[in-house]
Protein backbone atom coordinates (compact mmCIF):
# COMPACT_ATOMS: atom_id res chain seq x y z
CA UNK A 1 -24.83 10.64 158.06
CA UNK A 2 -26.59 8.41 160.60
CA UNK A 3 -30.34 7.93 160.30
CA UNK A 4 -30.72 5.68 163.33
CA UNK A 5 -28.76 6.41 166.51
CA UNK A 6 -28.26 3.85 169.27
CA UNK A 7 -31.05 1.54 168.20
CA UNK A 8 -31.50 -1.72 170.03
CA UNK A 9 -33.76 -3.88 167.86
CA UNK A 10 -33.70 -7.62 168.48
CA UNK A 11 -33.28 -8.61 164.84
CA UNK A 12 -32.32 -12.23 165.44
CA UNK A 13 -35.56 -12.73 167.33
CA UNK A 14 -37.28 -12.74 163.93
CA UNK A 15 -34.88 -15.13 162.23
CA UNK A 16 -37.28 -18.07 162.10
CA UNK A 17 -40.15 -16.24 160.31
CA UNK A 18 -37.71 -14.96 157.68
CA UNK A 19 -36.06 -18.36 157.30
CA UNK A 20 -39.52 -19.90 156.86
CA UNK A 21 -40.38 -17.25 154.23
CA UNK A 22 -37.14 -18.06 152.40
CA UNK A 23 -37.93 -21.76 152.39
CA UNK A 24 -41.43 -21.10 151.06
CA UNK A 25 -40.15 -18.82 148.27
CA UNK A 26 -37.40 -21.27 147.33
CA UNK A 27 -39.82 -24.20 147.24
CA UNK A 28 -42.37 -22.21 145.22
CA UNK A 29 -39.70 -21.23 142.70
CA UNK A 30 -38.40 -24.77 142.31
CA UNK A 31 -41.93 -26.15 141.93
CA UNK A 32 -42.66 -23.51 139.29
CA UNK A 33 -39.51 -24.47 137.38
CA UNK A 34 -40.57 -28.13 137.42
CA UNK A 35 -44.13 -27.31 136.32
CA UNK A 36 -42.90 -25.13 133.44
CA UNK A 37 -40.41 -27.80 132.35
CA UNK A 38 -37.36 -25.67 133.18
CA UNK A 39 -36.45 -22.02 133.00
CA UNK A 40 -37.66 -19.80 130.21
CA UNK A 41 -34.44 -18.87 128.40
CA UNK A 42 -34.14 -15.94 126.06
CA UNK A 43 -32.79 -16.03 122.56
CA UNK A 44 -29.27 -15.59 123.97
CA UNK A 45 -29.31 -19.05 125.54
CA UNK A 46 -31.72 -21.24 123.58
CA UNK A 47 -30.72 -20.15 120.09
CA UNK A 48 -33.04 -19.06 117.30
CA UNK A 49 -34.26 -15.93 115.56
CA UNK A 50 -36.02 -13.12 117.36
CA UNK A 51 -37.63 -10.06 115.80
CA UNK A 52 -39.00 -6.96 117.56
CA UNK A 53 -41.81 -5.31 115.58
CA UNK A 54 -43.54 -2.02 116.31
CA UNK A 55 -47.07 -1.41 115.03
CA UNK A 56 -48.96 1.82 114.49
CA UNK A 57 -51.87 0.34 116.45
CA UNK A 58 -52.45 -2.45 118.96
CA UNK A 59 -50.84 -5.54 117.40
CA UNK A 60 -53.30 -8.28 116.32
CA UNK A 61 -51.47 -11.24 117.86
CA UNK A 62 -53.71 -13.96 116.44
CA UNK A 63 -53.44 -12.56 112.94
CA UNK A 64 -49.65 -12.37 113.24
CA UNK A 65 -49.43 -15.98 114.45
CA UNK A 66 -51.64 -17.22 111.62
CA UNK A 67 -49.60 -15.38 108.98
CA UNK A 68 -46.25 -16.63 110.35
CA UNK A 69 -47.41 -20.23 110.76
CA UNK A 70 -47.93 -20.47 107.02
CA UNK A 71 -44.38 -19.46 106.06
CA UNK A 72 -42.08 -20.09 109.05
CA UNK A 73 -40.85 -23.53 110.07
CA UNK A 74 -40.65 -24.57 113.70
CA UNK A 75 -42.37 -23.33 116.83
CA UNK A 76 -43.31 -19.65 116.80
CA UNK A 77 -43.75 -17.36 119.78
CA UNK A 78 -45.57 -14.01 119.47
CA UNK A 79 -45.71 -11.97 122.66
CA UNK A 80 -46.43 -8.43 123.71
CA UNK A 81 -43.95 -6.31 125.53
CA UNK A 82 -44.93 -5.43 129.11
CA UNK A 83 -45.80 -1.84 128.25
CA UNK A 84 -47.57 -2.67 124.98
CA UNK A 85 -50.19 0.03 125.56
CA UNK A 86 -47.50 2.67 125.21
CA UNK A 87 -45.33 1.13 122.49
CA UNK A 88 -47.49 -1.33 120.52
CA UNK A 89 -44.52 -3.68 120.17
CA UNK A 90 -44.38 -7.45 119.85
CA UNK A 91 -41.56 -9.98 119.98
CA UNK A 92 -41.65 -12.74 117.38
CA UNK A 93 -39.31 -15.63 118.11
CA UNK A 94 -38.64 -19.02 116.57
CA UNK A 95 -36.41 -21.72 118.02
CA UNK A 96 -34.48 -24.03 115.70
CA UNK A 97 -31.83 -26.70 116.08
CA UNK A 98 -30.42 -26.17 112.57
CA UNK A 99 -28.36 -23.01 112.20
CA UNK A 100 -28.75 -22.85 108.41
CA UNK A 101 -32.49 -22.44 108.84
CA UNK A 102 -32.19 -19.29 111.02
CA UNK A 103 -31.54 -16.81 108.20
CA UNK A 104 -34.26 -18.45 106.12
CA UNK A 105 -36.73 -18.02 108.98
CA UNK A 106 -35.67 -14.43 109.50
CA UNK A 107 -36.52 -13.57 105.90
CA UNK A 108 -39.70 -15.66 106.07
CA UNK A 109 -40.91 -13.70 109.09
CA UNK A 110 -40.32 -10.38 107.33
CA UNK A 111 -42.05 -11.64 104.16
CA UNK A 112 -45.05 -12.88 106.13
CA UNK A 113 -45.49 -9.52 107.86
CA UNK A 114 -45.18 -7.67 104.54
CA UNK A 115 -47.70 -9.94 102.83
CA UNK A 116 -50.19 -9.57 105.69
CA UNK A 117 -49.88 -5.92 106.65
CA UNK A 118 -48.07 -4.30 103.70
CA UNK A 119 -48.78 -3.60 100.04
CA UNK A 120 -46.44 -5.94 98.12
CA UNK A 121 -48.77 -6.05 95.11
CA UNK A 122 -48.34 -2.32 94.53
CA UNK A 123 -44.70 -2.75 93.55
CA UNK A 124 -43.74 0.19 95.75
CA UNK A 125 -41.03 0.33 98.42
CA UNK A 126 -42.04 0.08 102.07
CA UNK A 127 -40.67 3.36 103.45
CA UNK A 128 -41.06 2.31 107.11
CA UNK A 129 -38.84 -0.77 106.63
CA UNK A 130 -36.45 0.44 103.92
CA UNK A 131 -32.72 0.88 104.38
CA UNK A 132 -30.71 3.82 103.15
CA UNK A 133 -29.33 2.15 100.03
CA UNK A 134 -32.75 0.73 99.12
CA UNK A 135 -34.27 4.20 99.36
CA UNK A 136 -31.46 5.82 97.32
CA UNK A 137 -31.71 3.19 94.57
CA UNK A 138 -35.48 3.54 94.44
CA UNK A 139 -35.48 7.36 94.19
CA UNK A 140 -32.50 8.00 91.91
CA UNK A 141 -34.16 7.46 88.51
CA UNK A 142 -37.65 8.79 89.44
CA UNK A 143 -36.05 12.03 90.70
CA UNK A 144 -34.18 12.41 87.41
CA UNK A 145 -37.37 11.83 85.43
CA UNK A 146 -39.25 14.34 87.59
CA UNK A 147 -36.61 16.98 86.86
CA UNK A 148 -35.35 17.20 90.46
CA UNK A 149 -31.58 17.75 90.14
CA UNK A 150 -29.76 15.95 92.94
CA UNK A 151 -26.21 14.61 93.01
CA UNK A 152 -25.59 11.12 94.39
CA UNK A 153 -23.89 12.40 97.54
CA UNK A 154 -26.72 14.86 98.11
CA UNK A 155 -29.25 12.06 97.67
CA UNK A 156 -27.36 9.91 100.17
CA UNK A 157 -27.42 12.75 102.70
CA UNK A 158 -31.13 13.41 102.27
CA UNK A 159 -31.97 9.69 102.48
CA UNK A 160 -30.01 9.38 105.72
CA UNK A 161 -31.84 12.41 107.14
CA UNK A 162 -35.21 10.96 106.15
CA UNK A 163 -34.52 7.60 107.84
CA UNK A 164 -33.10 9.30 110.92
CA UNK A 165 -36.31 11.33 111.14
CA UNK A 166 -38.33 8.12 110.79
CA UNK A 167 -36.41 6.32 113.55
CA UNK A 168 -36.39 9.20 116.04
CA UNK A 169 -39.09 9.29 118.77
CA UNK A 170 -41.97 9.87 118.87
CA UNK A 171 -42.20 8.10 115.49
CA UNK A 172 -39.71 5.38 116.48
CA UNK A 173 -39.72 3.76 113.05
CA UNK A 174 -43.22 4.59 111.90
CA UNK A 175 -44.17 7.49 109.62
CA UNK A 176 -47.94 7.64 109.24
CA UNK A 177 -48.17 10.48 106.72
CA UNK A 178 -45.72 11.56 104.00
CA UNK A 179 -46.45 15.20 104.89
CA UNK A 180 -44.52 14.63 108.12
CA UNK A 181 -41.32 14.44 106.03
CA UNK A 182 -41.55 18.17 105.28
CA UNK A 183 -39.83 18.74 108.64
CA UNK A 184 -36.65 17.05 107.33
CA UNK A 185 -33.94 19.48 106.13
CA UNK A 186 -33.52 19.16 102.36
CA UNK A 187 -36.87 17.42 101.81
CA UNK A 188 -38.44 19.66 99.19
CA UNK A 189 -42.09 19.30 98.11
CA UNK A 190 -40.91 17.83 94.79
CA UNK A 191 -38.83 15.19 96.62
CA UNK A 192 -41.73 14.31 98.94
CA UNK A 193 -44.02 13.96 95.94
CA UNK A 194 -41.60 11.48 94.32
CA UNK A 195 -41.37 9.53 97.60
CA UNK A 196 -45.16 9.39 97.73
CA UNK A 197 -45.28 7.95 94.20
CA UNK A 198 -42.52 5.37 94.77
CA UNK A 199 -43.14 4.31 98.38
CA UNK A 200 -45.95 3.35 100.72
CA UNK A 201 -46.25 3.46 104.52
CA UNK A 202 -46.79 0.08 106.15
CA UNK A 203 -48.34 -0.01 109.65
CA UNK A 204 -45.35 -1.85 111.15
CA UNK A 205 -41.61 -1.42 111.53
CA UNK A 206 -39.05 -4.15 112.22
CA UNK A 207 -37.08 -2.57 115.05
CA UNK A 208 -34.54 -5.26 115.81
CA UNK A 209 -33.52 -8.75 114.68
CA UNK A 210 -31.35 -11.16 116.70
CA UNK A 211 -30.00 -14.48 115.44
CA UNK A 212 -28.16 -16.87 117.76
CA UNK A 213 -27.16 -20.41 116.83
CA UNK A 214 -28.15 -23.26 119.18
CA UNK A 215 -24.53 -24.20 119.88
CA UNK A 216 -23.63 -20.63 120.75
CA UNK A 217 -26.69 -20.38 123.00
CA UNK A 218 -25.75 -23.55 124.89
CA UNK A 219 -22.18 -22.32 125.30
CA UNK A 220 -23.38 -18.97 126.64
CA UNK A 221 -25.70 -20.74 129.10
CA UNK A 222 -22.89 -22.94 130.44
CA UNK A 223 -20.54 -19.99 130.79
CA UNK A 224 -23.18 -18.01 132.66
CA UNK A 225 -23.61 -20.83 135.19
CA UNK A 226 -19.84 -21.21 135.59
CA UNK A 227 -19.39 -17.45 136.04
CA UNK A 228 -21.90 -17.44 138.91
CA UNK A 229 -20.33 -20.50 140.58
CA UNK A 230 -16.80 -19.13 140.23
CA UNK A 231 -17.89 -15.84 141.79
CA UNK A 232 -19.41 -17.65 144.79
CA UNK A 233 -16.34 -19.89 145.19
CA UNK A 234 -13.96 -16.92 145.08
CA UNK A 235 -15.99 -15.07 147.70
CA UNK A 236 -16.04 -18.17 149.92
CA UNK A 237 -12.24 -18.37 149.85
CA UNK A 238 -11.85 -14.66 150.53
CA UNK A 239 -14.23 -14.53 153.52
CA UNK A 240 -12.85 -17.77 154.97
CA UNK A 241 -9.39 -16.20 154.84
CA UNK A 242 -10.58 -12.84 156.16
CA UNK A 243 -12.78 -14.17 158.99
CA UNK A 244 -13.50 -17.86 159.70
CA UNK A 245 -14.62 -20.60 157.37
CA UNK A 246 -18.11 -20.61 158.88
CA UNK A 247 -18.48 -16.91 158.08
CA UNK A 248 -17.56 -17.60 154.48
CA UNK A 249 -19.96 -20.52 154.29
CA UNK A 250 -22.78 -18.43 155.76
CA UNK A 251 -22.18 -15.59 153.29
CA UNK A 252 -22.07 -17.92 150.28
CA UNK A 253 -25.23 -19.76 151.37
CA UNK A 254 -26.96 -16.37 151.72
CA UNK A 255 -25.86 -15.35 148.20
CA UNK A 256 -26.92 -18.71 146.80
CA UNK A 257 -30.24 -18.24 148.60
CA UNK A 258 -30.67 -14.82 146.94
CA UNK A 259 -29.92 -16.24 143.50
CA UNK A 260 -32.27 -19.23 143.87
CA UNK A 261 -35.19 -17.08 145.03
CA UNK A 262 -34.65 -14.49 142.28
CA UNK A 263 -34.51 -17.18 139.57
CA UNK A 264 -37.58 -18.81 141.09
CA UNK A 265 -39.47 -15.52 140.85
CA UNK A 266 -38.53 -15.33 137.18
CA UNK A 267 -40.14 -18.74 136.69
CA UNK A 268 -43.22 -17.84 138.74
CA UNK A 269 -43.82 -14.67 136.70
CA UNK A 270 -42.87 -16.46 133.43
CA UNK A 271 -40.03 -14.08 132.56
CA UNK A 272 -37.08 -14.87 130.30
CA UNK A 273 -33.53 -15.46 131.50
CA UNK A 274 -31.21 -13.52 129.20
CA UNK A 275 -27.63 -12.27 129.30
CA UNK A 276 -28.76 -9.02 130.92
CA UNK A 277 -30.45 -11.04 133.67
CA UNK A 278 -27.22 -12.96 134.29
CA UNK A 279 -25.41 -9.63 134.58
CA UNK A 280 -28.03 -8.55 137.13
CA UNK A 281 -27.58 -11.78 139.10
CA UNK A 282 -23.81 -11.33 139.25
CA UNK A 283 -24.35 -7.72 140.35
CA UNK A 284 -26.74 -9.00 142.99
CA UNK A 285 -24.22 -11.54 144.28
CA UNK A 286 -21.59 -8.85 144.76
CA UNK A 287 -24.07 -6.42 146.30
CA UNK A 288 -25.42 -8.95 148.81
CA UNK A 289 -21.92 -10.16 149.67
CA UNK A 290 -20.75 -6.62 150.35
CA UNK A 291 -23.63 -6.03 152.76
CA UNK A 292 -22.89 -9.30 154.54
CA UNK A 293 -19.18 -8.51 154.88
CA UNK A 294 -19.96 -5.13 156.46
CA UNK A 295 -22.06 -6.84 159.15
CA UNK A 296 -19.49 -9.61 159.70
CA UNK A 297 -16.70 -7.07 160.02
CA UNK A 298 -18.62 -5.20 162.71
CA UNK A 299 -19.28 -8.50 164.51
CA UNK A 300 -15.54 -9.23 164.54
CA UNK A 301 -14.78 -5.80 165.97
CA UNK A 302 -17.43 -6.06 168.69
CA UNK A 303 -16.23 -9.51 169.77
CA UNK A 304 -13.04 -7.84 171.00
CA UNK A 305 -14.92 -5.50 173.36
CA UNK A 306 -17.96 -7.58 174.30
CA UNK A 307 -16.29 -10.80 175.44
CA UNK A 308 -18.74 -11.39 178.28
CA UNK A 309 -21.81 -11.12 176.06
CA UNK A 310 -23.27 -13.96 174.07
CA UNK A 311 -22.71 -14.15 170.32
CA UNK A 312 -26.40 -13.40 169.64
CA UNK A 313 -26.17 -10.16 171.63
CA UNK A 314 -23.02 -9.20 169.72
CA UNK A 315 -24.72 -9.89 166.40
CA UNK A 316 -27.77 -7.82 167.30
CA UNK A 317 -25.57 -4.95 168.38
CA UNK A 318 -23.58 -5.17 165.14
CA UNK A 319 -26.69 -5.16 162.96
CA UNK A 320 -28.06 -2.14 164.85
CA UNK A 321 -24.78 -0.30 164.39
CA UNK A 322 -24.82 -0.89 160.61
CA UNK A 323 -28.56 -0.22 160.25
CA UNK A 324 -28.16 3.34 158.97
CA UNK A 325 -25.65 2.25 156.36
CA UNK A 326 -27.89 -0.62 155.21
CA UNK A 327 -30.99 1.56 154.90
CA UNK A 328 -29.17 4.32 153.01
CA UNK A 329 -27.35 2.09 150.52
CA UNK A 330 -30.09 -0.49 149.97
CA UNK A 331 -32.88 2.08 150.05
CA UNK A 332 -31.35 4.45 147.51
CA UNK A 333 -30.32 1.60 145.23
CA UNK A 334 -33.81 0.15 145.49
CA UNK A 335 -35.40 3.46 144.46
CA UNK A 336 -33.06 3.59 141.45
CA UNK A 337 -33.86 0.10 140.20
CA UNK A 338 -37.60 0.62 140.78
CA UNK A 339 -37.45 3.70 138.55
CA UNK A 340 -35.51 1.64 136.01
CA UNK A 341 -38.11 -1.12 136.24
CA UNK A 342 -41.03 1.28 135.68
CA UNK A 343 -39.55 3.60 133.06
CA UNK A 344 -36.54 1.72 131.71
CA UNK A 345 -38.41 0.11 128.84
CA UNK A 346 -38.76 -3.51 127.73
CA UNK A 347 -35.06 -4.03 126.97
CA UNK A 348 -34.05 -3.43 130.61
CA UNK A 349 -37.14 -5.00 132.13
CA UNK A 350 -35.53 -8.34 133.02
CA UNK A 351 -32.38 -6.66 134.35
CA UNK A 352 -34.31 -4.26 136.60
CA UNK A 353 -36.75 -6.96 137.76
CA UNK A 354 -33.83 -9.14 138.91
CA UNK A 355 -32.32 -6.25 140.85
CA UNK A 356 -35.63 -5.23 142.44
CA UNK A 357 -36.20 -8.77 143.73
CA UNK A 358 -32.55 -9.32 144.56
CA UNK A 359 -32.10 -6.17 146.65
CA UNK A 360 -35.12 -7.02 148.79
CA UNK A 361 -34.04 -10.64 149.30
CA UNK A 362 -30.35 -9.83 149.58
CA UNK A 363 -30.83 -7.17 152.25
CA UNK A 364 -32.73 -9.39 154.65
CA UNK A 365 -30.60 -12.47 153.92
CA UNK A 366 -27.50 -10.74 155.29
CA UNK A 367 -29.26 -10.36 158.65
CA UNK A 368 -31.68 -13.27 158.84
CA UNK A 369 -29.83 -15.96 156.86
CA UNK A 370 -26.07 -15.41 156.94
CA UNK A 371 -25.85 -14.32 160.60
CA UNK A 372 -28.07 -17.13 161.97
CA UNK A 373 -25.93 -19.73 160.15
CA UNK A 374 -22.87 -18.50 162.03
CA UNK A 375 -24.87 -18.37 165.28
CA UNK A 376 -26.23 -21.91 164.84
CA UNK A 377 -22.75 -23.28 164.21
CA UNK A 378 -21.20 -21.66 167.29
CA UNK A 379 -24.14 -22.79 169.46
CA UNK A 380 -23.70 -26.31 168.11
CA UNK A 381 -19.98 -26.29 168.93
CA UNK A 382 -20.67 -24.99 172.44
CA UNK A 383 -23.27 -27.70 173.04
CA UNK A 384 -20.84 -30.39 171.96
CA UNK A 385 -18.26 -29.10 174.42
CA UNK A 386 -20.79 -29.21 177.24
CA UNK A 387 -21.76 -32.79 176.43
CA UNK A 388 -18.22 -34.14 176.77
CA UNK A 389 -18.25 -35.91 180.22
CA UNK A 390 -15.35 -35.38 182.58
CA UNK A 391 -14.46 -39.09 182.70
CA UNK A 392 -10.68 -38.77 182.96
CA UNK A 393 -9.57 -37.98 186.58
CA UNK A 394 -6.96 -35.34 187.15
CA UNK A 395 -3.43 -36.76 187.75
CA UNK A 396 -2.13 -36.78 191.39
CA UNK A 397 0.15 -33.88 192.21
CA UNK A 398 3.76 -34.68 193.13
CA UNK A 399 4.89 -32.53 196.02
CA UNK A 400 8.61 -32.49 196.75
CA UNK A 401 9.79 -32.82 200.33
CA UNK A 402 6.39 -33.49 201.89
CA UNK A 403 6.04 -36.56 204.08
CA UNK A 404 2.82 -38.53 203.88
CA UNK A 405 0.81 -39.49 206.92
CA UNK A 406 2.40 -42.21 209.08
CA UNK A 407 1.67 -45.72 207.93
CA UNK A 408 -0.11 -48.25 210.07
CA UNK A 409 1.83 -50.10 212.74
CA UNK A 410 4.08 -52.78 211.42
CA UNK A 411 4.52 -51.24 208.01
CA UNK A 412 7.53 -49.22 206.89
CA UNK A 413 7.19 -45.50 206.55
CA UNK A 414 7.33 -44.15 202.96
CA UNK A 415 8.70 -40.78 202.12
CA UNK A 416 7.62 -38.98 198.96
CA UNK A 417 10.48 -38.26 196.65
């Protein structure tokens, strides 16, 4: 399928505005990184404890910070998710250099939330944050006293069903009324009445807890950088072997340009760099490189049939010939990642943001960054050839059997040998 037939746009005419835009974006990103004191790494890279908490209402951030500051050692970060209006979720993170303190801080964060928003003085079990074994142990004896016959295996099954009901959307970890449990198979009114007597419903649920040691985080960060550099080096070798070294250099510079701008945008918008973001960057490198190779391959083919045309004309023709392919692949992929960015949720937000920025930057870099680098190099080589003066005279031709003009009178006649 070809969307554009026989187009003749002068793409390289606009190379300087796009190169200027790239320089501005790169400089803005680097300045932002310096101002912020470096990149904002996620828990994967900096090490620490991170807890995702869902509330039944809009989270009171100041109250959470005050409660945690009294019990948790080290710096504490409490932030909303991007779509907090829909999910009422916050991320609580603490960064520590001592690994033994991480588990202590994890428990301290949970205790602080329970003391502030729960009912610890009641002596009841928090149903919204209880595990299966905790719930079974809490209900076993009260059920027996209430005359509700239930074998241990049956109790295990019912407890699992109750927690699965609690964790399934739209509740997503929060039950606001014990009467809602009547929809669970096996939850009889007598059982629900016992749960009501032994448990209470806190307004928050700890959705996820991550603990990464500082040494592991530093190792992951170094490996992520090396993985990106190795990918670029391998692609440079491949393209230099497949085309010319300048083509490989242009493609790698374009990919490096895409990565720098994308990381700079993360710093400008104060977003975290996590393992999923690194995966997106590596995906971006391969995607941008593939688009560049397609254009370079068409340039190589056209050079065989357009020998009298300049390299800039050949490049423009090649870009026009691959325009339909670029629009279809980049456009459809862009629509997909935009949908992922809007509706993918907080977990995939960094991944989709990197791809949204990267596809835009990577698509134009193949045309307005990689191709001009090759063009500039060939123009530079041609100019150097023109500047070489013809200082060395051509050697005299030796003609066999031809007699030179007669010499002047009084001098012997010489015959060319």
